[in-house]
């Protein structure tokens, strides 16, 4: 019999600082050690902008280092509770499903989160670790999802058009799974966790992995929420796209492989929260691919930093010639 608890090695509350007479938002993230730093920045941004309630962060972690766990503990101020759920080796996903830029199973941790939190809360906000909160997250809880499994934010028309040729679902309701307002009771009632694992491990390749699975299982069972709760952005080296963000944006979602925590990207939004976080003294990774290093070198030329440009072009050549990235 399927039991999501079988995937949990241990559960530990790092810190509990509930403030009496405040309502509580339950927020969940799932990640491995590679995404621990960006997850920390996501959490920092939520804490900074959501001031009118208790925040209980449920962190489902896959082989995250003790030093990163300690940094999560440092995030806690008044109103903050952080619980760590360590994923064990029973959690496995068909590797054939992990295509595109999805290279590990941790992206599918979201499958089990509502099942496990069902006994704690009726509703949980799931956030990807490449999101940043710009306004109070409490606003999303104003939407009534009692008759739905989740509140979701529709994906782009281009994405909806693409999936319309891939799956027999209503593509106009296809959503991005990076931000979800989940009704844990209805999720468990419909056995979504078990169904999701059965689908993703059935041998078929789902191009967008867990996101496709959730769209198939939750068809006609979701409430569409405003785009401000999952405003997707693809940044270039200078991150000029950030200047075009609408002022009402609540959650900014950095899609594609161009992530703001890579040193080559000049994301002022990410840097703002990074420099005030417990990770502020960490060395950020340079880049996820060689082409972005080359583009960074060109950017430095335009900025008049010729010596730095030559240095990073040398790194690009090393990646290209020896590391084959």
Protein backbone atom coordinates (compact mmCIF):
# COMPACT_ATOMS: atom_id res chain seq x y z
CA UNK A 1 0.00 0.00 0.00
CA UNK A 2 1.31 3.44 -0.96
CA UNK A 3 2.42 5.59 1.96
CA UNK A 4 4.26 8.89 1.44
CA UNK A 5 5.78 8.59 4.91
CA UNK A 6 7.91 5.74 3.60
CA UNK A 7 9.98 8.34 1.74
CA UNK A 8 10.83 10.30 4.90
CA UNK A 9 13.95 9.36 6.84
CA UNK A 10 13.41 11.86 9.66
CA UNK A 11 11.46 14.96 10.64
CA UNK A 12 12.86 17.72 12.81
CA UNK A 13 11.61 21.16 13.77
CA UNK A 14 14.66 23.43 13.66
CA UNK A 15 12.98 26.36 15.31
CA UNK A 16 9.48 27.25 16.49
CA UNK A 17 8.69 30.91 17.06
CA UNK A 18 4.94 31.15 16.68
CA UNK A 19 3.40 34.45 17.70
CA UNK A 20 0.03 34.09 19.47
CA UNK A 21 -3.12 35.48 17.84
CA UNK A 22 -1.58 35.48 14.35
CA UNK A 23 -2.85 33.28 11.55
CA UNK A 24 -0.35 30.84 10.05
CA UNK A 25 0.74 30.29 6.47
CA UNK A 26 2.15 26.86 5.70
CA UNK A 27 4.76 27.04 2.93
CA UNK A 28 6.61 24.07 1.46
CA UNK A 29 9.70 23.64 -0.69
CA UNK A 30 11.49 20.52 -1.92
CA UNK A 31 15.12 20.53 -3.02
CA UNK A 32 18.57 18.94 -2.93
CA UNK A 33 21.85 20.50 -1.85
CA UNK A 34 22.38 22.19 -5.23
CA UNK A 35 19.25 24.24 -4.65
CA UNK A 36 19.70 24.86 -0.92
CA UNK A 37 21.11 28.37 -1.41
CA UNK A 38 18.39 29.56 -3.83
CA UNK A 39 15.75 27.96 -1.60
CA UNK A 40 17.16 29.99 1.27
CA UNK A 41 16.81 33.17 -0.78
CA UNK A 42 13.23 32.25 -1.65
CA UNK A 43 12.47 31.84 2.04
CA UNK A 44 14.27 35.08 2.93
CA UNK A 45 12.15 36.98 0.42
CA UNK A 46 8.92 35.51 1.81
CA UNK A 47 9.90 36.43 5.37
CA UNK A 48 10.86 39.97 4.33
CA UNK A 49 7.58 40.64 2.55
CA UNK A 50 5.01 38.67 4.56
CA UNK A 51 4.78 40.46 7.88
CA UNK A 52 1.22 39.98 9.06
CA UNK A 53 1.15 36.28 9.99
CA UNK A 54 3.12 33.31 11.30
CA UNK A 55 5.10 31.46 8.65
CA UNK A 56 5.70 27.73 8.93
CA UNK A 57 8.21 26.53 6.34
CA UNK A 58 8.18 22.81 5.59
CA UNK A 59 11.47 21.94 3.87
CA UNK A 60 11.66 18.55 2.17
CA UNK A 61 15.37 18.04 1.61
CA UNK A 62 17.40 15.48 -0.31
CA UNK A 63 20.99 15.15 0.98
CA UNK A 64 21.30 18.77 2.04
CA UNK A 65 24.49 19.51 3.99
CA UNK A 66 24.56 20.24 7.71
CA UNK A 67 26.04 23.68 7.03
CA UNK A 68 23.07 24.60 4.85
CA UNK A 69 20.64 23.23 7.44
CA UNK A 70 22.29 25.48 10.01
CA UNK A 71 21.83 28.47 7.73
CA UNK A 72 18.12 27.71 7.40
CA UNK A 73 17.95 27.80 11.18
CA UNK A 74 19.48 31.28 11.13
CA UNK A 75 16.56 32.54 9.02
CA UNK A 76 14.16 32.20 11.90
CA UNK A 77 12.93 35.35 13.60
CA UNK A 78 9.69 35.97 15.46
CA UNK A 79 6.72 34.35 13.70
CA UNK A 80 8.90 31.78 11.94
CA UNK A 81 8.82 27.99 12.28
CA UNK A 82 11.00 25.72 10.15
CA UNK A 83 10.57 21.95 9.92
CA UNK A 84 12.99 19.73 8.01
CA UNK A 85 11.84 16.50 6.36
CA UNK A 86 14.79 14.42 5.16
CA UNK A 87 14.07 12.31 2.07
CA UNK A 88 15.41 8.75 2.13
CA UNK A 89 16.66 6.41 -0.60
CA UNK A 90 13.20 4.93 -1.18
CA UNK A 91 12.36 8.05 -3.17
CA UNK A 92 13.18 7.24 -6.78
CA UNK A 93 11.93 8.39 -10.16
CA UNK A 94 12.26 6.70 -13.55
CA UNK A 95 15.43 8.35 -14.94
CA UNK A 96 14.02 8.25 -18.48
CA UNK A 97 11.48 10.84 -17.37
CA UNK A 98 14.16 13.31 -16.35
CA UNK A 99 14.76 15.10 -19.63
CA UNK A 100 15.48 18.69 -20.73
CA UNK A 101 17.22 20.57 -17.89
CA UNK A 102 15.60 18.34 -15.26
CA UNK A 103 18.46 16.15 -14.10
CA UNK A 104 17.43 14.76 -10.72
CA UNK A 105 14.45 13.39 -8.89
CA UNK A 106 14.17 16.18 -6.32
CA UNK A 107 11.83 18.12 -8.61
CA UNK A 108 9.23 15.42 -7.93
CA UNK A 109 9.35 15.84 -4.15
CA UNK A 110 6.27 18.04 -4.50
CA UNK A 111 4.29 14.85 -5.22
CA UNK A 112 4.40 13.77 -1.57
CA UNK A 113 4.26 17.12 0.24
CA UNK A 114 0.45 17.52 0.47
CA UNK A 115 0.06 13.89 1.53
CA UNK A 116 2.46 14.33 4.43
CA UNK A 117 1.18 17.75 5.51
CA UNK A 118 -2.47 16.67 5.35
CA UNK A 119 -2.53 16.03 9.11
CA UNK A 120 -1.03 19.46 9.85
CA UNK A 121 -2.88 21.88 7.58
CA UNK A 122 -5.79 22.00 5.14
CA UNK A 123 -3.84 24.25 2.78
CA UNK A 124 -0.19 24.62 1.88
CA UNK A 125 1.60 26.96 -0.51
CA UNK A 126 4.21 25.15 -2.58
CA UNK A 127 7.07 27.22 -4.02
CA UNK A 128 9.86 26.26 -6.39
CA UNK A 129 13.33 27.24 -5.24
CA UNK A 130 13.85 29.57 -8.20
CA UNK A 131 11.14 31.97 -7.07
CA UNK A 132 11.37 35.26 -5.18
CA UNK A 133 8.57 36.86 -3.21
CA UNK A 134 8.09 40.60 -3.82
CA UNK A 135 4.90 41.24 -1.82
CA UNK A 136 2.96 39.58 0.99
CA UNK A 137 2.34 35.93 0.20
CA UNK A 138 -0.71 36.03 2.45
CA UNK A 139 -2.68 37.48 -0.45
CA UNK A 140 -2.85 34.13 -2.22
CA UNK A 141 -4.72 32.56 0.69
CA UNK A 142 -7.73 34.81 0.07
CA UNK A 143 -8.81 32.49 -2.73
CA UNK A 144 -11.32 29.78 -1.86
CA UNK A 145 -10.15 26.35 -3.02
CA UNK A 146 -12.45 24.17 -0.92
CA UNK A 147 -13.98 22.66 -4.07
CA UNK A 148 -10.64 22.21 -5.83
CA UNK A 149 -7.44 20.26 -5.35
CA UNK A 150 -5.27 23.30 -6.00
CA UNK A 151 -5.14 26.92 -6.99
CA UNK A 152 -2.77 27.25 -9.95
CA UNK A 153 -1.39 29.87 -12.31
CA UNK A 154 -1.81 29.24 -16.05
CA UNK A 155 1.29 28.79 -18.15
CA UNK A 156 2.10 30.83 -21.26
CA UNK A 157 0.04 30.44 -24.43
CA UNK A 158 3.11 29.07 -26.20
CA UNK A 159 3.46 26.35 -23.60
CA UNK A 160 -0.25 25.57 -23.71
CA UNK A 161 -0.07 25.28 -27.49
CA UNK A 162 2.86 22.89 -27.23
CA UNK A 163 1.23 20.55 -24.73
CA UNK A 164 -2.03 20.53 -26.71
CA UNK A 165 -0.25 18.26 -29.19
CA UNK A 166 1.26 16.04 -26.49
CA UNK A 167 -1.55 15.06 -24.12
CA UNK A 168 -5.35 14.67 -24.35
CA UNK A 169 -6.05 17.40 -21.80
CA UNK A 170 -7.58 20.87 -21.86
CA UNK A 171 -4.40 22.75 -22.72
CA UNK A 172 -6.00 26.12 -21.98
CA UNK A 173 -5.88 25.16 -18.31
CA UNK A 174 -2.28 23.91 -18.40
CA UNK A 175 -0.45 25.48 -15.47
CA UNK A 176 3.09 26.07 -14.32
CA UNK A 177 3.75 23.97 -11.21
CA UNK A 178 6.27 26.36 -9.64
CA UNK A 179 3.64 27.94 -7.38
CA UNK A 180 0.71 25.94 -6.05
CA UNK A 181 -1.96 26.63 -3.44
CA UNK A 182 -2.89 23.09 -2.45
CA UNK A 183 -5.96 21.74 -0.69
CA UNK A 184 -4.26 18.88 1.16
CA UNK A 185 -7.54 17.18 2.11
CA UNK A 186 -8.80 16.96 -1.46
CA UNK A 187 -5.32 15.97 -2.66
CA UNK A 188 -5.25 13.03 -0.27
CA UNK A 189 -8.88 12.12 -0.96
CA UNK A 190 -8.06 11.81 -4.68
CA UNK A 191 -4.83 9.85 -3.98
CA UNK A 192 -2.83 12.27 -6.11
CA UNK A 193 0.53 11.32 -4.59
CA UNK A 194 0.12 7.64 -5.44
CA UNK A 195 -1.27 8.36 -8.90
CA UNK A 196 1.61 10.74 -9.63
CA UNK A 197 4.23 8.13 -8.74
CA UNK A 198 2.48 5.50 -10.82
CA UNK A 199 2.36 7.78 -13.86
CA UNK A 200 5.90 9.09 -13.74
CA UNK A 201 7.32 5.61 -13.27
CA UNK A 202 5.21 3.88 -15.94
CA UNK A 203 7.95 4.06 -18.58
CA UNK A 204 6.48 6.89 -20.63
CA UNK A 205 8.53 10.05 -21.12
CA UNK A 206 6.82 13.22 -19.95
CA UNK A 207 8.66 16.17 -21.45
CA UNK A 208 8.07 18.47 -18.48
CA UNK A 209 8.15 15.65 -15.94
CA UNK A 210 6.31 16.43 -12.70
CA UNK A 211 4.55 19.45 -14.20
CA UNK A 212 2.99 17.36 -16.96
CA UNK A 213 1.98 14.69 -14.46
CA UNK A 214 0.20 17.20 -12.23
CA UNK A 215 -1.60 18.78 -15.16
CA UNK A 216 -2.87 15.38 -16.27
CA UNK A 217 -4.05 14.37 -12.79
CA UNK A 218 -5.54 17.72 -11.79
CA UNK A 219 -7.41 18.44 -15.02
CA UNK A 220 -10.70 20.27 -14.24
CA UNK A 221 -9.85 20.16 -10.53
CA UNK A 222 -7.98 23.46 -10.23
CA UNK A 223 -8.84 27.10 -9.67
CA UNK A 224 -6.95 29.46 -11.98
CA UNK A 225 -5.26 32.28 -10.06
CA UNK A 226 -3.89 35.61 -11.34
CA UNK A 227 -0.52 35.62 -13.06
CA UNK A 228 0.90 37.91 -10.37
CA UNK A 229 1.34 34.85 -8.15
CA UNK A 230 3.68 33.20 -10.66
CA UNK A 231 5.17 35.81 -12.97
CA UNK A 232 7.69 33.97 -15.11
CA UNK A 233 10.87 35.70 -16.24
CA UNK A 234 13.79 34.68 -18.44
CA UNK A 235 16.81 36.83 -17.74
CA UNK A 236 19.79 37.63 -19.94
CA UNK A 237 23.25 38.54 -18.61
CA UNK A 238 22.32 42.11 -17.66
CA UNK A 239 18.93 40.99 -16.26
CA UNK A 240 17.25 44.04 -17.81
CA UNK A 241 14.01 42.05 -17.86
CA UNK A 242 13.68 42.70 -14.11
CA UNK A 243 13.05 46.39 -14.82
CA UNK A 244 9.85 45.49 -16.68
CA UNK A 245 8.23 43.61 -13.80
CA UNK A 246 4.72 44.79 -12.98
CA UNK A 247 4.49 46.54 -9.59
CA UNK A 248 1.74 44.20 -8.41
CA UNK A 249 3.86 41.05 -8.87
CA UNK A 250 3.79 38.81 -5.79
CA UNK A 251 5.98 35.90 -6.91
CA UNK A 252 8.71 36.18 -9.52
CA UNK A 253 9.70 32.88 -11.10
CA UNK A 254 13.06 32.57 -12.86
CA UNK A 255 12.40 29.96 -15.52
CA UNK A 256 14.93 28.51 -18.00
CA UNK A 257 18.51 27.62 -17.11
CA UNK A 258 19.47 31.28 -16.62
CA UNK A 259 19.21 31.39 -12.86
CA UNK A 260 19.92 34.59 -10.90
CA UNK A 261 22.26 32.88 -8.42
CA UNK A 262 24.82 32.26 -11.16
CA UNK A 263 27.51 34.92 -10.90
CA UNK A 264 27.30 35.89 -14.57
CA UNK A 265 23.72 37.20 -14.23
CA UNK A 266 23.34 40.74 -12.90
CA UNK A 267 20.10 40.23 -10.99
CA UNK A 268 19.61 43.12 -8.59
CA UNK A 269 16.52 41.48 -7.09
CA UNK A 270 18.35 38.28 -6.19
CA UNK A 271 21.39 40.17 -4.91
CA UNK A 272 19.21 42.25 -2.59
CA UNK A 273 17.94 39.21 -0.70
CA UNK A 274 21.20 37.26 -1.04
CA UNK A 275 23.30 39.94 0.67
CA UNK A 276 20.99 40.01 3.68
CA UNK A 277 20.80 36.22 4.01
CA UNK A 278 22.88 33.68 5.97
CA UNK A 279 24.43 32.69 2.62
CA UNK A 280 25.84 36.17 1.95
CA UNK A 281 29.45 35.03 2.36
CA UNK A 282 29.07 32.02 0.08
CA UNK A 283 30.73 31.99 -3.33
CA UNK A 284 28.04 31.87 -5.97
CA UNK A 285 28.53 29.39 -8.82
CA UNK A 286 29.79 31.00 -12.01
CA UNK A 287 27.33 29.57 -14.51
CA UNK A 288 25.39 26.53 -15.56
CA UNK A 289 26.76 26.45 -19.12
CA UNK A 290 29.62 27.73 -21.27
CA UNK A 291 27.53 29.98 -23.54
CA UNK A 292 26.50 32.21 -20.64
CA UNK A 293 30.17 32.65 -19.66
CA UNK A 294 30.92 33.74 -23.22
CA UNK A 295 28.00 36.19 -23.11
CA UNK A 296 29.25 37.50 -19.77
CA UNK A 297 32.65 38.15 -21.34
CA UNK A 298 30.96 40.18 -24.09
CA UNK A 299 28.94 42.06 -21.47
CA UNK A 300 32.14 43.01 -19.64
CA UNK A 301 33.60 44.45 -22.85
CA UNK A 302 30.56 46.71 -23.20
CA UNK A 303 31.06 47.81 -19.60
CA UNK A 304 34.71 48.67 -20.31
CA UNK A 305 36.11 45.87 -18.13
CA UNK A 306 38.52 44.51 -20.72
CA UNK A 307 40.85 42.58 -18.45
CA UNK A 308 37.96 40.84 -16.72
CA UNK A 309 36.46 40.11 -20.12
CA UNK A 310 39.64 38.37 -21.25
CA UNK A 311 39.77 36.40 -18.00
CA UNK A 312 36.22 35.08 -18.37
CA UNK A 313 36.68 34.38 -22.07
CA UNK A 314 39.58 32.17 -21.03
CA UNK A 315 37.26 30.35 -18.65
CA UNK A 316 34.75 29.96 -21.47
CA UNK A 317 37.41 28.37 -23.68
CA UNK A 318 38.34 25.99 -20.88
CA UNK A 319 34.71 24.93 -20.51
CA UNK A 320 34.29 24.60 -24.25
CA UNK A 321 37.49 22.72 -25.01
CA UNK A 322 37.96 20.56 -21.95
CA UNK A 323 34.69 20.26 -20.07
CA UNK A 324 32.49 20.04 -23.18
CA UNK A 325 29.67 22.16 -21.76
